[in-house]
């Protein structure tokens, strides 16, 4: 088949969105409150630039609140920021 049949990169979550429930009056509202690409936590370099460059620099930690990303704290380096992002996915009981 043509290139338009490819589902997308294997390293990204699916962009397919479940259909809205016709019986739920708030279905459209709940759909809008989902974070972009289902990323609830993310990190950004403090001084901007690419996230993979200069791994020893501090990072700003951001968390999805249902409407926008808000700053949740800072991390001293890339490894600590990645651990914080993955903490939610693995289900660790530790608080951030």
C-alpha atoms as a PDB file:
ATOM      1  CA  UNK A   1       0.000   0.000   0.000  1.00  0.00           C
ATOM      2  CA  UNK A   2       0.996   3.648  -0.051  1.00  0.00           C
ATOM      3  CA  UNK A   3       2.923   5.540   2.587  1.00  0.00           C
ATOM      4  CA  UNK A   4      -0.317   6.950   4.006  1.00  0.00           C
ATOM      5  CA  UNK A   5      -1.175   3.622   5.606  1.00  0.00           C
ATOM      6  CA  UNK A   6       1.711   3.693   8.078  1.00  0.00           C
ATOM      7  CA  UNK A   7       0.532   4.118  11.683  1.00  0.00           C
ATOM      8  CA  UNK A   8       3.436   6.358  12.710  1.00  0.00           C
ATOM      9  CA  UNK A   9       6.750   6.071  14.509  1.00  0.00           C
ATOM     10  CA  UNK A  10       7.002   3.051  16.833  1.00  0.00           C
ATOM     11  CA  UNK A  11       8.569   5.132  19.619  1.00  0.00           C
ATOM     12  CA  UNK A  12       5.585   7.492  20.036  1.00  0.00           C
ATOM     13  CA  UNK A  13       2.232   6.824  21.695  1.00  0.00           C
ATOM     14  CA  UNK A  14      -0.756   6.295  19.475  1.00  0.00           C
ATOM     15  CA  UNK A  15      -2.593   9.439  18.457  1.00  0.00           C
ATOM     16  CA  UNK A  16      -5.794   7.491  18.028  1.00  0.00           C
ATOM     17  CA  UNK A  17      -8.366   8.935  20.385  1.00  0.00           C
ATOM     18  CA  UNK A  18     -11.208   6.830  21.756  1.00  0.00           C
ATOM     19  CA  UNK A  19     -14.614   7.791  20.427  1.00  0.00           C
ATOM     20  CA  UNK A  20     -16.719  10.086  22.560  1.00  0.00           C
ATOM     21  CA  UNK A  21     -19.427   8.336  24.541  1.00  0.00           C
ATOM     22  CA  UNK A  22     -22.816   9.518  23.257  1.00  0.00           C
ATOM     23  CA  UNK A  23     -24.394   8.942  26.691  1.00  0.00           C
ATOM     24  CA  UNK A  24     -21.876  11.100  28.536  1.00  0.00           C
ATOM     25  CA  UNK A  25     -22.770  14.815  28.391  1.00  0.00           C
ATOM     26  CA  UNK A  26     -19.208  15.798  29.396  1.00  0.00           C
ATOM     27  CA  UNK A  27     -17.415  13.603  26.834  1.00  0.00           C
ATOM     28  CA  UNK A  28     -16.266  16.509  24.648  1.00  0.00           C
ATOM     29  CA  UNK A  29     -15.048  18.411  27.710  1.00  0.00           C
ATOM     30  CA  UNK A  30     -13.086  15.418  29.019  1.00  0.00           C
ATOM     31  CA  UNK A  31     -11.516  14.888  25.594  1.00  0.00           C
ATOM     32  CA  UNK A  32     -10.215  18.480  25.549  1.00  0.00           C
ATOM     33  CA  UNK A  33      -8.661  18.044  29.007  1.00  0.00           C
ATOM     34  CA  UNK A  34      -6.338  15.255  27.864  1.00  0.00           C
ATOM     35  CA  UNK A  35      -2.689  16.326  27.653  1.00  0.00           C
ATOM     36  CA  UNK A  36      -1.032  16.518  24.243  1.00  0.00           C
ATOM     37  CA  UNK A  37       0.023  13.005  23.205  1.00  0.00           C
ATOM     38  CA  UNK A  38      -0.910  11.785  26.702  1.00  0.00           C
ATOM     39  CA  UNK A  39       2.270  13.206  28.239  1.00  0.00           C
ATOM     40  CA  UNK A  40       1.344  14.114  31.815  1.00  0.00           C
ATOM     41  CA  UNK A  41       4.866  15.058  32.920  1.00  0.00           C
ATOM     42  CA  UNK A  42       7.702  16.601  30.942  1.00  0.00           C
ATOM     43  CA  UNK A  43      11.022  18.372  31.505  1.00  0.00           C
ATOM     44  CA  UNK A  44      12.669  21.293  29.724  1.00  0.00           C
ATOM     45  CA  UNK A  45      16.206  22.722  29.963  1.00  0.00           C
ATOM     46  CA  UNK A  46      16.276  25.832  32.166  1.00  0.00           C
ATOM     47  CA  UNK A  47      18.153  27.896  29.566  1.00  0.00           C
ATOM     48  CA  UNK A  48      16.269  26.518  26.546  1.00  0.00           C
ATOM     49  CA  UNK A  49      17.669  24.531  23.675  1.00  0.00           C
ATOM     50  CA  UNK A  50      17.484  20.837  22.879  1.00  0.00           C
ATOM     51  CA  UNK A  51      16.638  18.522  25.772  1.00  0.00           C
ATOM     52  CA  UNK A  52      19.392  16.009  25.044  1.00  0.00           C
ATOM     53  CA  UNK A  53      22.239  18.532  24.945  1.00  0.00           C
ATOM     54  CA  UNK A  54      24.241  19.451  28.052  1.00  0.00           C
ATOM     55  CA  UNK A  55      22.859  16.698  30.333  1.00  0.00           C
ATOM     56  CA  UNK A  56      24.531  18.230  33.406  1.00  0.00           C
ATOM     57  CA  UNK A  57      22.448  21.427  33.309  1.00  0.00           C
ATOM     58  CA  UNK A  58      19.312  21.860  35.475  1.00  0.00           C
ATOM     59  CA  UNK A  59      15.824  21.109  34.125  1.00  0.00           C
ATOM     60  CA  UNK A  60      12.390  22.591  34.777  1.00  0.00           C
ATOM     61  CA  UNK A  61       9.806  19.919  35.621  1.00  0.00           C
ATOM     62  CA  UNK A  62       6.289  20.487  34.260  1.00  0.00           C
ATOM     63  CA  UNK A  63       3.075  18.626  35.055  1.00  0.00           C
ATOM     64  CA  UNK A  64      -0.263  18.642  33.194  1.00  0.00           C
ATOM     65  CA  UNK A  65      -3.079  20.129  35.329  1.00  0.00           C
ATOM     66  CA  UNK A  66      -5.976  19.414  33.000  1.00  0.00           C
ATOM     67  CA  UNK A  67      -5.716  22.738  31.182  1.00  0.00           C
ATOM     68  CA  UNK A  68      -2.009  23.509  30.759  1.00  0.00           C
ATOM     69  CA  UNK A  69       1.464  22.505  31.873  1.00  0.00           C
ATOM     70  CA  UNK A  70       2.539  24.102  35.156  1.00  0.00           C
ATOM     71  CA  UNK A  71       5.968  24.149  36.764  1.00  0.00           C
ATOM     72  CA  UNK A  72       6.240  21.440  39.420  1.00  0.00           C
ATOM     73  CA  UNK A  73       9.881  21.957  40.397  1.00  0.00           C
ATOM     74  CA  UNK A  74      13.421  21.618  39.134  1.00  0.00           C
ATOM     75  CA  UNK A  75      15.897  18.801  38.679  1.00  0.00           C
ATOM     76  CA  UNK A  76      19.690  19.150  38.909  1.00  0.00           C
ATOM     77  CA  UNK A  77      20.365  17.209  35.694  1.00  0.00           C
ATOM     78  CA  UNK A  78      18.861  15.211  32.846  1.00  0.00           C
ATOM     79  CA  UNK A  79      19.010  11.853  34.678  1.00  0.00           C
ATOM     80  CA  UNK A  80      17.018  13.174  37.652  1.00  0.00           C
ATOM     81  CA  UNK A  81      14.474  14.803  35.322  1.00  0.00           C
ATOM     82  CA  UNK A  82      13.952  11.561  33.399  1.00  0.00           C
ATOM     83  CA  UNK A  83      13.538   9.658  36.663  1.00  0.00           C
ATOM     84  CA  UNK A  84      10.832  12.138  37.758  1.00  0.00           C
ATOM     85  CA  UNK A  85       8.989  11.818  34.431  1.00  0.00           C
ATOM     86  CA  UNK A  86       9.118   8.011  34.550  1.00  0.00           C
ATOM     87  CA  UNK A  87       8.050   7.913  38.218  1.00  0.00           C
ATOM     88  CA  UNK A  88       4.405   8.485  37.224  1.00  0.00           C
ATOM     89  CA  UNK A  89       4.533   5.826  34.510  1.00  0.00           C
ATOM     90  CA  UNK A  90       6.033   3.105  36.689  1.00  0.00           C
ATOM     91  CA  UNK A  91       3.632   3.780  39.560  1.00  0.00           C
ATOM     92  CA  UNK A  92       6.202   4.351  42.300  1.00  0.00           C
ATOM     93  CA  UNK A  93       4.581   5.464  45.518  1.00  0.00           C
ATOM     94  CA  UNK A  94       7.240   8.062  46.240  1.00  0.00           C
ATOM     95  CA  UNK A  95       6.258  11.704  46.232  1.00  0.00           C
ATOM     96  CA  UNK A  96       8.006  14.212  43.980  1.00  0.00           C
END
